[in-house]
Amino acid sequence: MSEDELIRQACEFFGWRRLGSDIRDALADDITELHERGTLTGGPDRINAG
């Protein structure tokens, strides 16, 4: 799935009805960290579990 879809799915999972820039930025930072750890692979258009 794309990074945008992953962020939307995370919001839905946690029951957040709003996706403001603060939430999007925090989740994007988390995704970046998971990439650095090797937990996620791929780019913004296609993210996979590592």
PDB file of N, CA and C in Angstrom:
ATOM      1  N   MET A   1       0.838  -1.169   0.000  1.00  0.00           N
ATOM      2  CA  MET A   1       0.000   0.000   0.000  1.00  0.00           C
ATOM      3  C   MET A   1       0.882   1.230   0.000  1.00  0.00           C
ATOM      4  N   SER A   2       0.327   2.353  -0.363  1.00  0.00           N
ATOM      5  CA  SER A   2       1.098   3.594  -0.375  1.00  0.00           C
ATOM      6  C   SER A   2       1.224   4.146   1.047  1.00  0.00           C
ATOM      7  N   GLU A   3       2.154   5.068   1.221  1.00  0.00           N
ATOM      8  CA  GLU A   3       2.330   5.695   2.532  1.00  0.00           C
ATOM      9  C   GLU A   3       1.055   6.414   2.958  1.00  0.00           C
ATOM     10  N   ASP A   4       0.402   7.100   2.036  1.00  0.00           N
ATOM     11  CA  ASP A   4      -0.851   7.794   2.364  1.00  0.00           C
ATOM     12  C   ASP A   4      -1.922   6.817   2.831  1.00  0.00           C
ATOM     13  N   GLU A   5      -2.022   5.676   2.152  1.00  0.00           N
ATOM     14  CA  GLU A   5      -3.014   4.671   2.549  1.00  0.00           C
ATOM     15  C   GLU A   5      -2.677   4.089   3.920  1.00  0.00           C
ATOM     16  N   LEU A   6      -1.391   3.849   4.175  1.00  0.00           N
ATOM     17  CA  LEU A   6      -0.972   3.338   5.476  1.00  0.00           C
ATOM     18  C   LEU A   6      -1.345   4.320   6.590  1.00  0.00           C
ATOM     19  N   ILE A   7      -1.145   5.595   6.352  1.00  0.00           N
ATOM     20  CA  ILE A   7      -1.504   6.614   7.342  1.00  0.00           C
ATOM     21  C   ILE A   7      -3.015   6.632   7.551  1.00  0.00           C
ATOM     22  N   ARG A   8      -3.784   6.572   6.485  1.00  0.00           N
ATOM     23  CA  ARG A   8      -5.257   6.544   6.617  1.00  0.00           C
ATOM     24  C   ARG A   8      -5.717   5.308   7.376  1.00  0.00           C
ATOM     25  N   GLN A   9      -5.113   4.159   7.087  1.00  0.00           N
ATOM     26  CA  GLN A   9      -5.485   2.922   7.770  1.00  0.00           C
ATOM     27  C   GLN A   9      -5.132   2.982   9.258  1.00  0.00           C
ATOM     28  N   ALA A  10      -4.000   3.574   9.585  1.00  0.00           N
ATOM     29  CA  ALA A  10      -3.612   3.714  10.993  1.00  0.00           C
ATOM     30  C   ALA A  10      -4.615   4.590  11.731  1.00  0.00           C
ATOM     31  N   CYS A  11      -5.043   5.673  11.121  1.00  0.00           N
ATOM     32  CA  CYS A  11      -6.041   6.549  11.738  1.00  0.00           C
ATOM     33  C   CYS A  11      -7.353   5.801  11.958  1.00  0.00           C
ATOM     34  N   GLU A  12      -7.754   5.056  10.971  1.00  0.00           N
ATOM     35  CA  GLU A  12      -8.987   4.273  11.091  1.00  0.00           C
ATOM     36  C   GLU A  12      -8.860   3.230  12.203  1.00  0.00           C
ATOM     37  N   PHE A  13      -7.715   2.561  12.276  1.00  0.00           N
ATOM     38  CA  PHE A  13      -7.477   1.543  13.302  1.00  0.00           C
ATOM     39  C   PHE A  13      -7.624   2.134  14.702  1.00  0.00           C
ATOM     40  N   PHE A  14      -7.061   3.323  14.907  1.00  0.00           N
ATOM     41  CA  PHE A  14      -7.115   3.955  16.220  1.00  0.00           C
ATOM     42  C   PHE A  14      -8.415   4.721  16.458  1.00  0.00           C
ATOM     43  N   GLY A  15      -9.291   4.765  15.468  1.00  0.00           N
ATOM     44  CA  GLY A  15     -10.581   5.422  15.627  1.00  0.00           C
ATOM     45  C   GLY A  15     -10.520   6.938  15.534  1.00  0.00           C
ATOM     46  N   TRP A  16      -9.440   7.442  14.938  1.00  0.00           N
ATOM     47  CA  TRP A  16      -9.317   8.891  14.784  1.00  0.00           C
ATOM     48  C   TRP A  16     -10.141   9.334  13.593  1.00  0.00           C
ATOM     49  N   ARG A  17     -11.010  10.273  13.821  1.00  0.00           N
ATOM     50  CA  ARG A  17     -11.886  10.768  12.753  1.00  0.00           C
ATOM     51  C   ARG A  17     -11.246  11.906  11.970  1.00  0.00           C
ATOM     52  N   ARG A  18     -10.207  12.479  12.513  1.00  0.00           N
ATOM     53  CA  ARG A  18      -9.564  13.633  11.903  1.00  0.00           C
ATOM     54  C   ARG A  18      -8.135  13.276  11.518  1.00  0.00           C
ATOM     55  N   LEU A  19      -7.710  13.777  10.378  1.00  0.00           N
ATOM     56  CA  LEU A  19      -6.339  13.557   9.935  1.00  0.00           C
ATOM     57  C   LEU A  19      -5.731  14.919   9.617  1.00  0.00           C
ATOM     58  N   GLY A  20      -5.296  15.600  10.668  1.00  0.00           N
ATOM     59  CA  GLY A  20      -4.666  16.902  10.495  1.00  0.00           C
ATOM     60  C   GLY A  20      -3.188  16.745  10.206  1.00  0.00           C
ATOM     61  N   SER A  21      -2.558  17.859   9.928  1.00  0.00           N
ATOM     62  CA  SER A  21      -1.138  17.826   9.585  1.00  0.00           C
ATOM     63  C   SER A  21      -0.288  17.325  10.746  1.00  0.00           C
ATOM     64  N   ASP A  22      -0.713  17.592  11.979  1.00  0.00           N
ATOM     65  CA  ASP A  22       0.057  17.120  13.133  1.00  0.00           C
ATOM     66  C   ASP A  22       0.061  15.594  13.211  1.00  0.00           C
ATOM     67  N   ILE A  23      -1.079  14.986  12.976  1.00  0.00           N
ATOM     68  CA  ILE A  23      -1.178  13.521  13.001  1.00  0.00           C
ATOM     69  C   ILE A  23      -0.433  12.926  11.807  1.00  0.00           C
ATOM     70  N   ARG A  24      -0.644  13.491  10.635  1.00  0.00           N
ATOM     71  CA  ARG A  24       0.027  12.997   9.423  1.00  0.00           C
ATOM     72  C   ARG A  24       1.547  13.069   9.600  1.00  0.00           C
ATOM     73  N   ASP A  25       2.050  14.185  10.113  1.00  0.00           N
ATOM     74  CA  ASP A  25       3.493  14.344  10.301  1.00  0.00           C
ATOM     75  C   ASP A  25       4.044  13.338  11.306  1.00  0.00           C
ATOM     76  N   ALA A  26       3.323  13.115  12.395  1.00  0.00           N
ATOM     77  CA  ALA A  26       3.780  12.162  13.415  1.00  0.00           C
ATOM     78  C   ALA A  26       3.828  10.749  12.847  1.00  0.00           C
ATOM     79  N   LEU A  27       2.802  10.352  12.108  1.00  0.00           N
ATOM     80  CA  LEU A  27       2.786   9.014  11.519  1.00  0.00           C
ATOM     81  C   LEU A  27       3.844   8.877  10.422  1.00  0.00           C
ATOM     82  N   ALA A  28       4.066   9.934   9.648  1.00  0.00           N
ATOM     83  CA  ALA A  28       5.111   9.897   8.619  1.00  0.00           C
ATOM     84  C   ALA A  28       6.489   9.738   9.272  1.00  0.00           C
ATOM     85  N   ASP A  29       6.701  10.406  10.413  1.00  0.00           N
ATOM     86  CA  ASP A  29       7.961  10.235  11.148  1.00  0.00           C
ATOM     87  C   ASP A  29       8.115   8.794  11.625  1.00  0.00           C
ATOM     88  N   ASP A  30       7.031   8.204  12.099  1.00  0.00           N
ATOM     89  CA  ASP A  30       7.072   6.804  12.539  1.00  0.00           C
ATOM     90  C   ASP A  30       7.409   5.878  11.368  1.00  0.00           C
ATOM     91  N   ILE A  31       6.826   6.135  10.214  1.00  0.00           N
ATOM     92  CA  ILE A  31       7.091   5.321   9.029  1.00  0.00           C
ATOM     93  C   ILE A  31       8.558   5.450   8.631  1.00  0.00           C
ATOM     94  N   THR A  32       9.101   6.653   8.694  1.00  0.00           N
ATOM     95  CA  THR A  32      10.516   6.869   8.392  1.00  0.00           C
ATOM     96  C   THR A  32      11.397   6.066   9.333  1.00  0.00           C
ATOM     97  N   GLU A  33      11.073   6.086  10.613  1.00  0.00           N
ATOM     98  CA  GLU A  33      11.853   5.320  11.587  1.00  0.00           C
ATOM     99  C   GLU A  33      11.770   3.821  11.320  1.00  0.00           C
ATOM    100  N   LEU A  34      10.585   3.335  10.971  1.00  0.00           N
ATOM    101  CA  LEU A  34      10.436   1.916  10.661  1.00  0.00           C
ATOM    102  C   LEU A  34      11.232   1.536   9.410  1.00  0.00           C
ATOM    103  N   HIS A  35      11.320   2.447   8.443  1.00  0.00           N
ATOM    104  CA  HIS A  35      12.168   2.214   7.262  1.00  0.00           C
ATOM    105  C   HIS A  35      13.624   2.100   7.682  1.00  0.00           C
ATOM    106  N   GLU A  36      14.062   3.008   8.550  1.00  0.00           N
ATOM    107  CA  GLU A  36      15.457   3.006   8.996  1.00  0.00           C
ATOM    108  C   GLU A  36      15.800   1.729   9.759  1.00  0.00           C
ATOM    109  N   ARG A  37      14.858   1.177  10.483  1.00  0.00           N
ATOM    110  CA  ARG A  37      15.074  -0.058  11.234  1.00  0.00           C
ATOM    111  C   ARG A  37      14.979  -1.296  10.346  1.00  0.00           C
ATOM    112  N   GLY A  38      14.472  -1.130   9.134  1.00  0.00           N
ATOM    113  CA  GLY A  38      14.305  -2.257   8.229  1.00  0.00           C
ATOM    114  C   GLY A  38      13.002  -3.003   8.420  1.00  0.00           C
ATOM    115  N   THR A  39      12.120  -2.471   9.264  1.00  0.00           N
ATOM    116  CA  THR A  39      10.820  -3.097   9.498  1.00  0.00           C
ATOM    117  C   THR A  39       9.903  -2.914   8.295  1.00  0.00           C
ATOM    118  N   LEU A  40      10.033  -1.770   7.621  1.00  0.00           N
ATOM    119  CA  LEU A  40       9.290  -1.499   6.394  1.00  0.00           C
ATOM    120  C   LEU A  40      10.283  -1.324   5.259  1.00  0.00           C
ATOM    121  N   THR A  41       9.878  -1.720   4.059  1.00  0.00           N
ATOM    122  CA  THR A  41      10.695  -1.533   2.871  1.00  0.00           C
ATOM    123  C   THR A  41       9.852  -0.869   1.806  1.00  0.00           C
ATOM    124  N   GLY A  42      10.497  -0.399   0.764  1.00  0.00           N
ATOM    125  CA  GLY A  42       9.789   0.225  -0.336  1.00  0.00           C
ATOM    126  C   GLY A  42       9.760   1.731  -0.213  1.00  0.00           C
ATOM    127  N   GLY A  43       9.091   2.351  -1.152  1.00  0.00           N
ATOM    128  CA  GLY A  43       9.011   3.805  -1.191  1.00  0.00           C
ATOM    129  C   GLY A  43       7.621   4.286  -0.864  1.00  0.00           C
ATOM    130  N   PRO A  44       7.403   5.581  -1.050  1.00  0.00           N
ATOM    131  CA  PRO A  44       6.114   6.160  -0.685  1.00  0.00           C
ATOM    132  C   PRO A  44       4.924   5.594  -1.484  1.00  0.00           C
ATOM    133  N   ASP A  45       5.211   5.054  -2.673  1.00  0.00           N
ATOM    134  CA  ASP A  45       4.117   4.512  -3.496  1.00  0.00           C
ATOM    135  C   ASP A  45       3.804   3.055  -3.166  1.00  0.00           C
ATOM    136  N   ARG A  46       4.747   2.371  -2.537  1.00  0.00           N
ATOM    137  CA  ARG A  46       4.539   0.960  -2.237  1.00  0.00           C
ATOM    138  C   ARG A  46       5.374   0.569  -1.023  1.00  0.00           C
ATOM    139  N   ILE A  47       4.731   0.453   0.129  1.00  0.00           N
ATOM    140  CA  ILE A  47       5.402   0.093   1.371  1.00  0.00           C
ATOM    141  C   ILE A  47       5.076  -1.364   1.684  1.00  0.00           C
ATOM    142  N   ASN A  48       6.111  -2.096   2.077  1.00  0.00           N
ATOM    143  CA  ASN A  48       5.963  -3.507   2.420  1.00  0.00           C
ATOM    144  C   ASN A  48       6.557  -3.763   3.792  1.00  0.00           C
ATOM    145  N   ALA A  49       6.079  -4.794   4.448  1.00  0.00           N
ATOM    146  CA  ALA A  49       6.686  -5.226   5.707  1.00  0.00           C
ATOM    147  C   ALA A  49       8.032  -5.855   5.364  1.00  0.00           C
ATOM    148  N   GLY A  50       9.066  -5.481   6.147  1.00  0.00           N
ATOM    149  CA  GLY A  50      10.435  -5.961   5.885  1.00  0.00           C
ATOM    150  C   GLY A  50      10.692  -7.281   6.390  1.00  0.00           C
TER     151      GLY A  50
END
